[in-house]
Amino acid sequence: MKATEQTGLSHEQRQRFDERGLVRLDRAVPPRLAEEMADRLWQELGRKHGAQRRAPSTWRTERPASFQALQKSGAFKGMASPRVRTMLDDLLGRDAWTAPPHWGQPLVCFPKAHSRWDVPYQSWHLDLPADPTRFSMMVGRLFLILAPLRPQGVGTLVATGSHRIVQRLANRAGDQQSSSAMRKRLQAEHRWFADLMSPDPAGDKSRGRVARFMETATEVSHVPLQVEEMTGEPGDLYLMHPAVLHAAAPNLLDAPRLVLSQFVMPKAWFGSAIYS
């Protein structure tokens, strides 16, 4: 086994996670194992929705859900690879995090006709309330890619660096801020966020939203902000900060998104609704 597979997060990866709130670990899970989990997911899609891998005409449900039985069967336990476990030890502390009872929540999105791909202005949100008393107790959210995920293939969009602004605003407020309340604070205090979440931004309209938000970083209160799209190969895994702003995007490609998501929380949060 290579050294990078044993150490979990490198110094550079931890620094990137702290600064940007998002980091990708290539081949965190063996690709063969990721492909086997994709096979199990396709079997369930066929059984419940009639969706066949090589028959796009059968992809009638854009975002199929309700995979609890498959999760409980242990179909996705391979998500907890040795490298993923070591990475969580690095992030949360050895023996300081609680393994979920069933690994892997499938996120499936089939292609749908859209006029063009663009950075959305709707659906930006935080997964958890921004709580100044809990920023020291990290929660990790993992995204494991099961099938090749290309640009504009509905990979989650992440406003990297936004967690640092969120933390400052929550600390200033002094109490827990819901996702909705924090969005309003971000929009009120910083033009970059107001434009991101507006259908008609006040910025340079000639550049377009992709150029404005994705091609270059914009410094806001000394924090570089940039929208990044999750892309990669089977077995690649993203670690996302729980206080980072993110959104769903349309799928304009000819293949579905097959991704597993998983929250992992510290033992100090035991009993939280995250695992319920």
C-alpha atoms as a PDB file:
ATOM      1  CA  MET A   1       0.000   0.000   0.000  1.00  0.00           C
ATOM      2  CA  LYS A   2       1.314   3.452  -0.905  1.00  0.00           C
ATOM      3  CA  ALA A   3       2.141   5.933   1.828  1.00  0.00           C
ATOM      4  CA  THR A   4      -0.512   8.361   0.591  1.00  0.00           C
ATOM      5  CA  GLU A   5      -3.119   5.629   1.063  1.00  0.00           C
ATOM      6  CA  GLN A   6      -2.064   5.102   4.677  1.00  0.00           C
ATOM      7  CA  THR A   7      -1.911   8.705   5.861  1.00  0.00           C
ATOM      8  CA  GLY A   8      -5.403   9.878   4.933  1.00  0.00           C
ATOM      9  CA  LEU A   9      -5.048  13.658   4.609  1.00  0.00           C
ATOM     10  CA  SER A  10      -1.703  15.100   3.583  1.00  0.00           C
ATOM     11  CA  HIS A  11      -0.602  18.468   4.980  1.00  0.00           C
ATOM     12  CA  GLU A  12      -1.551  20.126   1.686  1.00  0.00           C
ATOM     13  CA  GLN A  13      -4.962  18.458   1.617  1.00  0.00           C
ATOM     14  CA  ARG A  14      -5.756  19.502   5.185  1.00  0.00           C
ATOM     15  CA  GLN A  15      -4.673  23.055   4.388  1.00  0.00           C
ATOM     16  CA  ARG A  16      -6.890  23.101   1.308  1.00  0.00           C
ATOM     17  CA  PHE A  17      -9.826  21.771   3.309  1.00  0.00           C
ATOM     18  CA  ASP A  18      -9.346  24.389   6.031  1.00  0.00           C
ATOM     19  CA  GLU A  19      -9.026  27.243   3.539  1.00  0.00           C
ATOM     20  CA  ARG A  20     -11.507  26.193   0.831  1.00  0.00           C
ATOM     21  CA  GLY A  21     -13.854  23.831   2.666  1.00  0.00           C
ATOM     22  CA  LEU A  22     -13.528  21.207  -0.068  1.00  0.00           C
ATOM     23  CA  VAL A  23     -10.851  18.672  -0.975  1.00  0.00           C
ATOM     24  CA  ARG A  24     -10.778  15.663  -3.299  1.00  0.00           C
ATOM     25  CA  LEU A  25      -8.981  12.435  -2.439  1.00  0.00           C
ATOM     26  CA  ASP A  26      -8.261  10.508  -5.615  1.00  0.00           C
ATOM     27  CA  ARG A  27      -8.909   6.751  -5.359  1.00  0.00           C
ATOM     28  CA  ALA A  28      -9.879   6.979  -1.696  1.00  0.00           C
ATOM     29  CA  VAL A  29     -11.881   3.822  -2.405  1.00  0.00           C
ATOM     30  CA  PRO A  30     -10.526   1.200  -4.843  1.00  0.00           C
ATOM     31  CA  PRO A  31     -12.166   1.887  -8.251  1.00  0.00           C
ATOM     32  CA  ARG A  32     -13.179  -1.769  -8.609  1.00  0.00           C
ATOM     33  CA  LEU A  33     -15.099  -1.567  -5.329  1.00  0.00           C
ATOM     34  CA  ALA A  34     -16.767   1.701  -6.382  1.00  0.00           C
ATOM     35  CA  GLU A  35     -17.864   0.071  -9.641  1.00  0.00           C
ATOM     36  CA  GLU A  36     -19.294  -2.902  -7.737  1.00  0.00           C
ATOM     37  CA  MET A  37     -21.351  -0.517  -5.608  1.00  0.00           C
ATOM     38  CA  ALA A  38     -22.531   1.177  -8.822  1.00  0.00           C
ATOM     39  CA  ASP A  39     -23.647  -2.232 -10.089  1.00  0.00           C
ATOM     40  CA  ARG A  40     -25.729  -2.770  -6.932  1.00  0.00           C
ATOM     41  CA  LEU A  41     -27.270   0.668  -7.376  1.00  0.00           C
ATOM     42  CA  TRP A  42     -28.163  -0.046 -11.012  1.00  0.00           C
ATOM     43  CA  GLN A  43     -29.824  -3.292  -9.967  1.00  0.00           C
ATOM     44  CA  GLU A  44     -32.003  -1.367  -7.527  1.00  0.00           C
ATOM     45  CA  LEU A  45     -32.780   1.331 -10.098  1.00  0.00           C
ATOM     46  CA  GLY A  46     -33.920  -1.380 -12.480  1.00  0.00           C
ATOM     47  CA  ARG A  47     -36.033  -3.110  -9.849  1.00  0.00           C
ATOM     48  CA  LYS A  48     -37.755   0.023  -8.530  1.00  0.00           C
ATOM     49  CA  HIS A  49     -37.806   2.361 -11.524  1.00  0.00           C
ATOM     50  CA  GLY A  50     -37.208   0.175 -14.563  1.00  0.00           C
ATOM     51  CA  ALA A  51     -34.027   2.128 -15.360  1.00  0.00           C
ATOM     52  CA  GLN A  52     -31.501   0.163 -17.422  1.00  0.00           C
ATOM     53  CA  ARG A  53     -27.868   1.230 -17.654  1.00  0.00           C
ATOM     54  CA  ARG A  54     -27.638   1.130 -21.468  1.00  0.00           C
ATOM     55  CA  ALA A  55     -31.189   2.212 -22.274  1.00  0.00           C
ATOM     56  CA  PRO A  56     -31.597   5.981 -21.756  1.00  0.00           C
ATOM     57  CA  SER A  57     -35.242   5.706 -22.800  1.00  0.00           C
ATOM     58  CA  THR A  58     -35.877   3.984 -19.452  1.00  0.00           C
ATOM     59  CA  TRP A  59     -34.479   6.898 -17.421  1.00  0.00           C
ATOM     60  CA  ARG A  60     -37.864   8.413 -16.673  1.00  0.00           C
ATOM     61  CA  THR A  61     -37.335   9.645 -13.100  1.00  0.00           C
ATOM     62  CA  GLU A  62     -34.864  12.524 -12.911  1.00  0.00           C
ATOM     63  CA  ARG A  63     -33.955  12.133  -9.227  1.00  0.00           C
ATOM     64  CA  PRO A  64     -34.969   8.691  -7.903  1.00  0.00           C
ATOM     65  CA  ALA A  65     -34.789   8.301  -4.138  1.00  0.00           C
ATOM     66  CA  SER A  66     -35.743   5.915  -1.314  1.00  0.00           C
ATOM     67  CA  PHE A  67     -32.783   3.557  -1.195  1.00  0.00           C
ATOM     68  CA  GLN A  68     -33.054   2.783   2.531  1.00  0.00           C
ATOM     69  CA  ALA A  69     -33.408  -0.980   2.086  1.00  0.00           C
ATOM     70  CA  LEU A  70     -30.330  -1.113  -0.115  1.00  0.00           C
ATOM     71  CA  GLN A  71     -28.362   0.949   2.404  1.00  0.00           C
ATOM     72  CA  LYS A  72     -29.428  -1.281   5.280  1.00  0.00           C
ATOM     73  CA  SER A  73     -28.341  -4.352   3.327  1.00  0.00           C
ATOM     74  CA  GLY A  74     -24.744  -3.162   3.580  1.00  0.00           C
ATOM     75  CA  ALA A  75     -24.439  -2.629  -0.184  1.00  0.00           C
ATOM     76  CA  PHE A  76     -22.307   0.480   0.326  1.00  0.00           C
ATOM     77  CA  LYS A  77     -20.171  -0.514   3.301  1.00  0.00           C
ATOM     78  CA  GLY A  78     -17.164  -0.415   0.974  1.00  0.00           C
ATOM     79  CA  MET A  79     -17.371   3.377   1.219  1.00  0.00           C
ATOM     80  CA  ALA A  80     -15.597   3.032   4.584  1.00  0.00           C
ATOM     81  CA  SER A  81     -12.269   2.024   3.052  1.00  0.00           C
ATOM     82  CA  PRO A  82      -9.088   1.981   5.179  1.00  0.00           C
ATOM     83  CA  ARG A  83      -8.008   5.266   3.623  1.00  0.00           C
ATOM     84  CA  VAL A  84     -11.377   6.910   4.307  1.00  0.00           C
ATOM     85  CA  ARG A  85     -11.254   5.769   7.924  1.00  0.00           C
ATOM     86  CA  THR A  86      -7.712   7.090   8.302  1.00  0.00           C
ATOM     87  CA  MET A  87      -8.776  10.395   6.769  1.00  0.00           C
ATOM     88  CA  LEU A  88     -11.615  10.673   9.295  1.00  0.00           C
ATOM     89  CA  ASP A  89      -9.155   9.935  12.095  1.00  0.00           C
ATOM     90  CA  ASP A  90      -7.009  12.793  10.780  1.00  0.00           C
ATOM     91  CA  LEU A  91      -9.973  15.148  10.589  1.00  0.00           C
ATOM     92  CA  LEU A  92     -12.005  14.292  13.686  1.00  0.00           C
ATOM     93  CA  GLY A  93      -9.499  12.481  15.889  1.00  0.00           C
ATOM     94  CA  ARG A  94      -8.770   8.785  16.356  1.00  0.00           C
ATOM     95  CA  ASP A  95     -11.678   7.072  18.143  1.00  0.00           C
ATOM     96  CA  ALA A  96     -13.465  10.442  18.284  1.00  0.00           C
ATOM     97  CA  TRP A  97     -16.061   9.884  15.558  1.00  0.00           C
ATOM     98  CA  THR A  98     -19.117   7.683  15.321  1.00  0.00           C
ATOM     99  CA  ALA A  99     -19.470   5.410  12.315  1.00  0.00           C
ATOM    100  CA  PRO A 100     -22.931   5.568  10.727  1.00  0.00           C
ATOM    101  CA  PRO A 101     -25.047   2.435  11.130  1.00  0.00           C
ATOM    102  CA  HIS A 102     -25.314   2.119   7.331  1.00  0.00           C
ATOM    103  CA  TRP A 103     -22.808   3.706   4.974  1.00  0.00           C
ATOM    104  CA  GLY A 104     -23.747   5.584   1.817  1.00  0.00           C
ATOM    105  CA  GLN A 105     -26.833   7.555   0.785  1.00  0.00           C
ATOM    106  CA  PRO A 106     -27.207   7.357  -3.028  1.00  0.00           C
ATOM    107  CA  LEU A 107     -27.513  10.626  -4.928  1.00  0.00           C
ATOM    108  CA  VAL A 108     -28.773   9.783  -8.415  1.00  0.00           C
ATOM    109  CA  CYS A 109     -29.668  12.282 -11.114  1.00  0.00           C
ATOM    110  CA  PHE A 110     -30.521  11.350 -14.681  1.00  0.00           C
ATOM    111  CA  PRO A 111     -30.100  13.780 -17.587  1.00  0.00           C
ATOM    112  CA  LYS A 112     -32.919  16.149 -18.397  1.00  0.00           C
ATOM    113  CA  ALA A 113     -33.338  18.560 -21.299  1.00  0.00           C
ATOM    114  CA  HIS A 114     -32.113  22.058 -20.429  1.00  0.00           C
ATOM    115  CA  SER A 115     -31.436  25.002 -22.705  1.00  0.00           C
ATOM    116  CA  ARG A 116     -27.906  25.464 -21.397  1.00  0.00           C
ATOM    117  CA  TRP A 117     -25.776  24.837 -18.342  1.00  0.00           C
ATOM    118  CA  ASP A 118     -25.141  27.706 -15.966  1.00  0.00           C
ATOM    119  CA  VAL A 119     -24.286  28.408 -12.356  1.00  0.00           C
ATOM    120  CA  PRO A 120     -27.671  28.293 -10.583  1.00  0.00           C
ATOM    121  CA  TYR A 121     -28.892  31.142  -8.428  1.00  0.00           C
ATOM    122  CA  GLN A 122     -31.396  29.003  -6.533  1.00  0.00           C
ATOM    123  CA  SER A 123     -30.965  26.149  -4.027  1.00  0.00           C
ATOM    124  CA  TRP A 124     -27.790  27.466  -2.365  1.00  0.00           C
ATOM    125  CA  HIS A 125     -27.816  26.240   1.228  1.00  0.00           C
ATOM    126  CA  LEU A 126     -25.951  24.907   4.261  1.00  0.00           C
ATOM    127  CA  ASP A 127     -26.491  21.308   5.346  1.00  0.00           C
ATOM    128  CA  LEU A 128     -26.553  22.183   9.041  1.00  0.00           C
ATOM    129  CA  PRO A 129     -27.309  25.334  11.044  1.00  0.00           C
ATOM    130  CA  ALA A 130     -24.259  27.527  11.594  1.00  0.00           C
ATOM    131  CA  ASP A 131     -23.683  27.186  15.329  1.00  0.00           C
ATOM    132  CA  PRO A 132     -20.763  29.168  16.852  1.00  0.00           C
ATOM    133  CA  THR A 133     -20.612  26.753  19.791  1.00  0.00           C
ATOM    134  CA  ARG A 134     -19.988  23.760  17.510  1.00  0.00           C
ATOM    135  CA  PHE A 135     -17.435  25.004  15.006  1.00  0.00           C
ATOM    136  CA  SER A 136     -14.716  23.363  17.099  1.00  0.00           C
ATOM    137  CA  MET A 137     -16.496  19.995  16.753  1.00  0.00           C
ATOM    138  CA  MET A 138     -16.019  19.148  13.107  1.00  0.00           C
ATOM    139  CA  VAL A 139     -18.590  17.215  11.115  1.00  0.00           C
ATOM    140  CA  GLY A 140     -17.494  15.720   7.838  1.00  0.00           C
ATOM    141  CA  ARG A 141     -19.646  15.204   4.769  1.00  0.00           C
ATOM    142  CA  LEU A 142     -18.297  12.769   2.211  1.00  0.00           C
ATOM    143  CA  PHE A 143     -19.193  12.353  -1.463  1.00  0.00           C
ATOM    144  CA  LEU A 144     -17.969   9.172  -3.155  1.00  0.00           C
ATOM    145  CA  ILE A 145     -18.079   9.011  -6.958  1.00  0.00           C
ATOM    146  CA  LEU A 146     -19.300   5.639  -8.284  1.00  0.00           C
ATOM    147  CA  ALA A 147     -19.321   6.400 -12.032  1.00  0.00           C
ATOM    148  CA  PRO A 148     -17.337   8.940 -14.076  1.00  0.00           C
ATOM    149  CA  LEU A 149     -18.577  12.420 -13.202  1.00  0.00           C
ATOM    150  CA  ARG A 150     -17.790  15.014 -15.865  1.00  0.00           C
ATOM    151  CA  PRO A 151     -18.186  18.799 -15.866  1.00  0.00           C
ATOM    152  CA  GLN A 152     -21.836  19.845 -16.233  1.00  0.00           C
ATOM    153  CA  GLY A 153     -22.832  16.335 -15.114  1.00  0.00           C
ATOM    154  CA  VAL A 154     -24.750  17.501 -12.026  1.00  0.00           C
ATOM    155  CA  GLY A 155     -21.765  17.346  -9.679  1.00  0.00           C
ATOM    156  CA  THR A 156     -22.525  19.381  -6.555  1.00  0.00           C
ATOM    157  CA  LEU A 157     -21.422  23.024  -6.850  1.00  0.00           C
ATOM    158  CA  VAL A 158     -19.560  24.396  -3.844  1.00  0.00           C
ATOM    159  CA  ALA A 159     -18.818  28.028  -2.991  1.00  0.00           C
ATOM    160  CA  THR A 160     -15.337  27.285  -1.714  1.00  0.00           C
ATOM    161  CA  GLY A 161     -14.139  29.511   1.101  1.00  0.00           C
ATOM    162  CA  SER A 162     -17.692  30.417   2.104  1.00  0.00           C
ATOM    163  CA  HIS A 163     -17.462  28.462   5.377  1.00  0.00           C
ATOM    164  CA  ARG A 164     -14.943  31.021   6.679  1.00  0.00           C
ATOM    165  CA  ILE A 165     -17.373  33.889   6.066  1.00  0.00           C
ATOM    166  CA  VAL A 166     -20.227  31.834   7.542  1.00  0.00           C
ATOM    167  CA  GLN A 167     -18.239  31.212  10.708  1.00  0.00           C
ATOM    168  CA  ARG A 168     -17.464  34.911  11.127  1.00  0.00           C
ATOM    169  CA  LEU A 169     -21.104  35.905  10.718  1.00  0.00           C
ATOM    170  CA  ALA A 170     -22.317  33.186  13.104  1.00  0.00           C
ATOM    171  CA  ASN A 171     -19.745  34.227  15.705  1.00  0.00           C
ATOM    172  CA  ARG A 172     -20.873  37.833  15.356  1.00  0.00           C
ATOM    173  CA  ALA A 173     -24.528  36.838  15.751  1.00  0.00           C
ATOM    174  CA  GLY A 174     -23.645  34.797  18.840  1.00  0.00           C
ATOM    175  CA  ASP A 175     -26.246  32.117  18.312  1.00  0.00           C
ATOM    176  CA  GLN A 176     -27.292  29.377  15.906  1.00  0.00           C
ATOM    177  CA  GLN A 177     -28.187  30.532  12.406  1.00  0.00           C
ATOM    178  CA  SER A 178     -30.403  28.455  10.135  1.00  0.00           C
ATOM    179  CA  SER A 179     -29.440  27.950   6.517  1.00  0.00           C
ATOM    180  CA  SER A 180     -32.115  30.457   5.464  1.00  0.00           C
ATOM    181  CA  ALA A 181     -31.015  33.066   8.007  1.00  0.00           C
ATOM    182  CA  MET A 182     -27.381  32.689   7.033  1.00  0.00           C
ATOM    183  CA  ARG A 183     -28.168  33.051   3.320  1.00  0.00           C
ATOM    184  CA  LYS A 184     -29.881  36.352   4.084  1.00  0.00           C
ATOM    185  CA  ARG A 185     -26.901  37.543   6.130  1.00  0.00           C
ATOM    186  CA  LEU A 186     -24.460  36.597   3.372  1.00  0.00           C
ATOM    187  CA  GLN A 187     -26.540  38.389   0.742  1.00  0.00           C
ATOM    188  CA  ALA A 188     -26.943  41.499   2.911  1.00  0.00           C
ATOM    189  CA  GLU A 189     -23.263  41.857   3.769  1.00  0.00           C
ATOM    190  CA  HIS A 190     -21.372  40.776   0.648  1.00  0.00           C
ATOM    191  CA  ARG A 191     -22.133  41.592  -2.972  1.00  0.00           C
ATOM    192  CA  TRP A 192     -20.490  38.379  -4.234  1.00  0.00           C
ATOM    193  CA  PHE A 193     -23.070  36.269  -2.376  1.00  0.00           C
ATOM    194  CA  ALA A 194     -25.916  38.597  -3.344  1.00  0.00           C
ATOM    195  CA  ASP A 195     -24.981  38.207  -7.011  1.00  0.00           C
ATOM    196  CA  LEU A 196     -24.517  34.442  -6.693  1.00  0.00           C
ATOM    197  CA  MET A 197     -28.038  34.055  -5.333  1.00  0.00           C
ATOM    198  CA  SER A 198     -29.656  36.539  -7.697  1.00  0.00           C
ATOM    199  CA  PRO A 199     -31.035  35.823 -11.206  1.00  0.00           C
ATOM    200  CA  ASP A 200     -29.870  39.274 -12.327  1.00  0.00           C
ATOM    201  CA  PRO A 201     -26.516  40.004 -10.625  1.00  0.00           C
ATOM    202  CA  ALA A 202     -25.213  43.529 -10.450  1.00  0.00           C
ATOM    203  CA  GLY A 203     -21.784  42.468 -11.711  1.00  0.00           C
ATOM    204  CA  ASP A 204     -20.387  42.496 -15.245  1.00  0.00           C
ATOM    205  CA  LYS A 205     -23.227  40.796 -17.146  1.00  0.00           C
ATOM    206  CA  SER A 206     -21.106  40.418 -20.273  1.00  0.00           C
ATOM    207  CA  ARG A 207     -18.899  37.858 -18.549  1.00  0.00           C
ATOM    208  CA  GLY A 208     -21.659  35.395 -17.665  1.00  0.00           C
ATOM    209  CA  ARG A 209     -22.129  33.490 -14.436  1.00  0.00           C
ATOM    210  CA  VAL A 210     -19.617  30.734 -15.213  1.00  0.00           C
ATOM    211  CA  ALA A 211     -16.838  33.271 -15.835  1.00  0.00           C
ATOM    212  CA  ARG A 212     -17.891  35.409 -12.882  1.00  0.00           C
ATOM    213  CA  PHE A 213     -18.091  32.689 -10.256  1.00  0.00           C
ATOM    214  CA  MET A 214     -16.108  29.675 -11.506  1.00  0.00           C
ATOM    215  CA  GLU A 215     -13.180  30.780 -13.658  1.00  0.00           C
ATOM    216  CA  THR A 216     -11.512  33.060 -11.147  1.00  0.00           C
ATOM    217  CA  ALA A 217     -11.567  33.566  -7.392  1.00  0.00           C
ATOM    218  CA  THR A 218     -12.900  36.779  -5.870  1.00  0.00           C
ATOM    219  CA  GLU A 219     -11.514  37.983  -2.545  1.00  0.00           C
ATOM    220  CA  VAL A 220     -14.172  38.912  -0.013  1.00  0.00           C
ATOM    221  CA  SER A 221     -13.014  40.119   3.407  1.00  0.00           C
ATOM    222  CA  HIS A 222      -9.578  38.621   2.652  1.00  0.00           C
ATOM    223  CA  VAL A 223     -11.113  35.218   1.810  1.00  0.00           C
ATOM    224  CA  PRO A 224     -10.853  33.883  -1.781  1.00  0.00           C
ATOM    225  CA  LEU A 225     -14.284  32.687  -2.938  1.00  0.00           C
ATOM    226  CA  GLN A 226     -14.896  30.539  -6.012  1.00  0.00           C
ATOM    227  CA  VAL A 227     -17.565  28.092  -7.173  1.00  0.00           C
ATOM    228  CA  GLU A 228     -16.148  24.612  -7.824  1.00  0.00           C
ATOM    229  CA  GLU A 229     -17.884  21.595  -9.324  1.00  0.00           C
ATOM    230  CA  MET A 230     -17.392  18.073  -7.991  1.00  0.00           C
ATOM    231  CA  THR A 231     -16.017  15.917 -10.816  1.00  0.00           C
ATOM    232  CA  GLY A 232     -13.888  12.777 -10.895  1.00  0.00           C
ATOM    233  CA  GLU A 233     -13.553   9.060 -11.453  1.00  0.00           C
ATOM    234  CA  PRO A 234     -14.972   6.012  -9.632  1.00  0.00           C
ATOM    235  CA  GLY A 235     -13.394   5.805  -6.185  1.00  0.00           C
ATOM    236  CA  ASP A 236     -12.593   9.523  -5.896  1.00  0.00           C
ATOM    237  CA  LEU A 237     -13.972  11.055  -2.722  1.00  0.00           C
ATOM    238  CA  TYR A 238     -14.733  14.645  -1.746  1.00  0.00           C
ATOM    239  CA  LEU A 239     -14.635  15.918   1.812  1.00  0.00           C
ATOM    240  CA  MET A 240     -16.838  18.990   2.290  1.00  0.00           C
ATOM    241  CA  HIS A 241     -16.978  21.313   5.289  1.00  0.00           C
ATOM    242  CA  PRO A 242     -20.478  21.354   6.839  1.00  0.00           C
ATOM    243  CA  ALA A 243     -20.606  25.176   6.885  1.00  0.00           C
ATOM    244  CA  VAL A 244     -19.825  25.644   3.193  1.00  0.00           C
ATOM    245  CA  LEU A 245     -22.522  26.979   0.856  1.00  0.00           C
ATOM    246  CA  HIS A 246     -23.410  24.562  -1.959  1.00  0.00           C
ATOM    247  CA  ALA A 247     -26.098  23.845  -4.545  1.00  0.00           C
ATOM    248  CA  ALA A 248     -27.372  21.294  -7.031  1.00  0.00           C
ATOM    249  CA  ALA A 249     -26.894  21.808 -10.762  1.00  0.00           C
ATOM    250  CA  PRO A 250     -28.619  20.457 -13.880  1.00  0.00           C
ATOM    251  CA  ASN A 251     -27.305  17.401 -15.735  1.00  0.00           C
ATOM    252  CA  LEU A 252     -26.740  18.144 -19.431  1.00  0.00           C
ATOM    253  CA  LEU A 253     -24.660  15.069 -20.196  1.00  0.00           C
ATOM    254  CA  ASP A 254     -25.688  11.645 -21.510  1.00  0.00           C
ATOM    255  CA  ALA A 255     -24.990   9.755 -18.267  1.00  0.00           C
ATOM    256  CA  PRO A 256     -26.523   9.877 -14.771  1.00  0.00           C
ATOM    257  CA  ARG A 257     -24.770  11.034 -11.640  1.00  0.00           C
ATOM    258  CA  LEU A 258     -24.074   8.103  -9.310  1.00  0.00           C
ATOM    259  CA  VAL A 259     -22.662   9.373  -6.021  1.00  0.00           C
ATOM    260  CA  LEU A 260     -22.815   8.253  -2.407  1.00  0.00           C
ATOM    261  CA  SER A 261     -23.104  10.869   0.317  1.00  0.00           C
ATOM    262  CA  GLN A 262     -22.409  10.389   4.007  1.00  0.00           C
ATOM    263  CA  PHE A 263     -22.294  12.575   7.108  1.00  0.00           C
ATOM    264  CA  VAL A 264     -19.800  11.512   9.761  1.00  0.00           C
ATOM    265  CA  MET A 265     -20.102  13.165  13.141  1.00  0.00           C
ATOM    266  CA  PRO A 266     -17.987  13.309  16.298  1.00  0.00           C
ATOM    267  CA  LYS A 267     -18.976  11.192  19.284  1.00  0.00           C
ATOM    268  CA  ALA A 268     -19.816  14.424  21.107  1.00  0.00           C
ATOM    269  CA  TRP A 269     -22.791  14.694  18.737  1.00  0.00           C
ATOM    270  CA  PHE A 270     -23.994  11.160  19.449  1.00  0.00           C
ATOM    271  CA  GLY A 271     -27.753  10.999  19.221  1.00  0.00           C
ATOM    272  CA  SER A 272     -27.910  13.761  16.627  1.00  0.00           C
ATOM    273  CA  ALA A 273     -30.644  13.522  14.003  1.00  0.00           C
ATOM    274  CA  ILE A 274     -27.956  13.336  11.302  1.00  0.00           C
ATOM    275  CA  TYR A 275     -27.947   9.536  11.497  1.00  0.00           C
ATOM    276  CA  SER A 276     -31.667   9.072  12.095  1.00  0.00           C
END
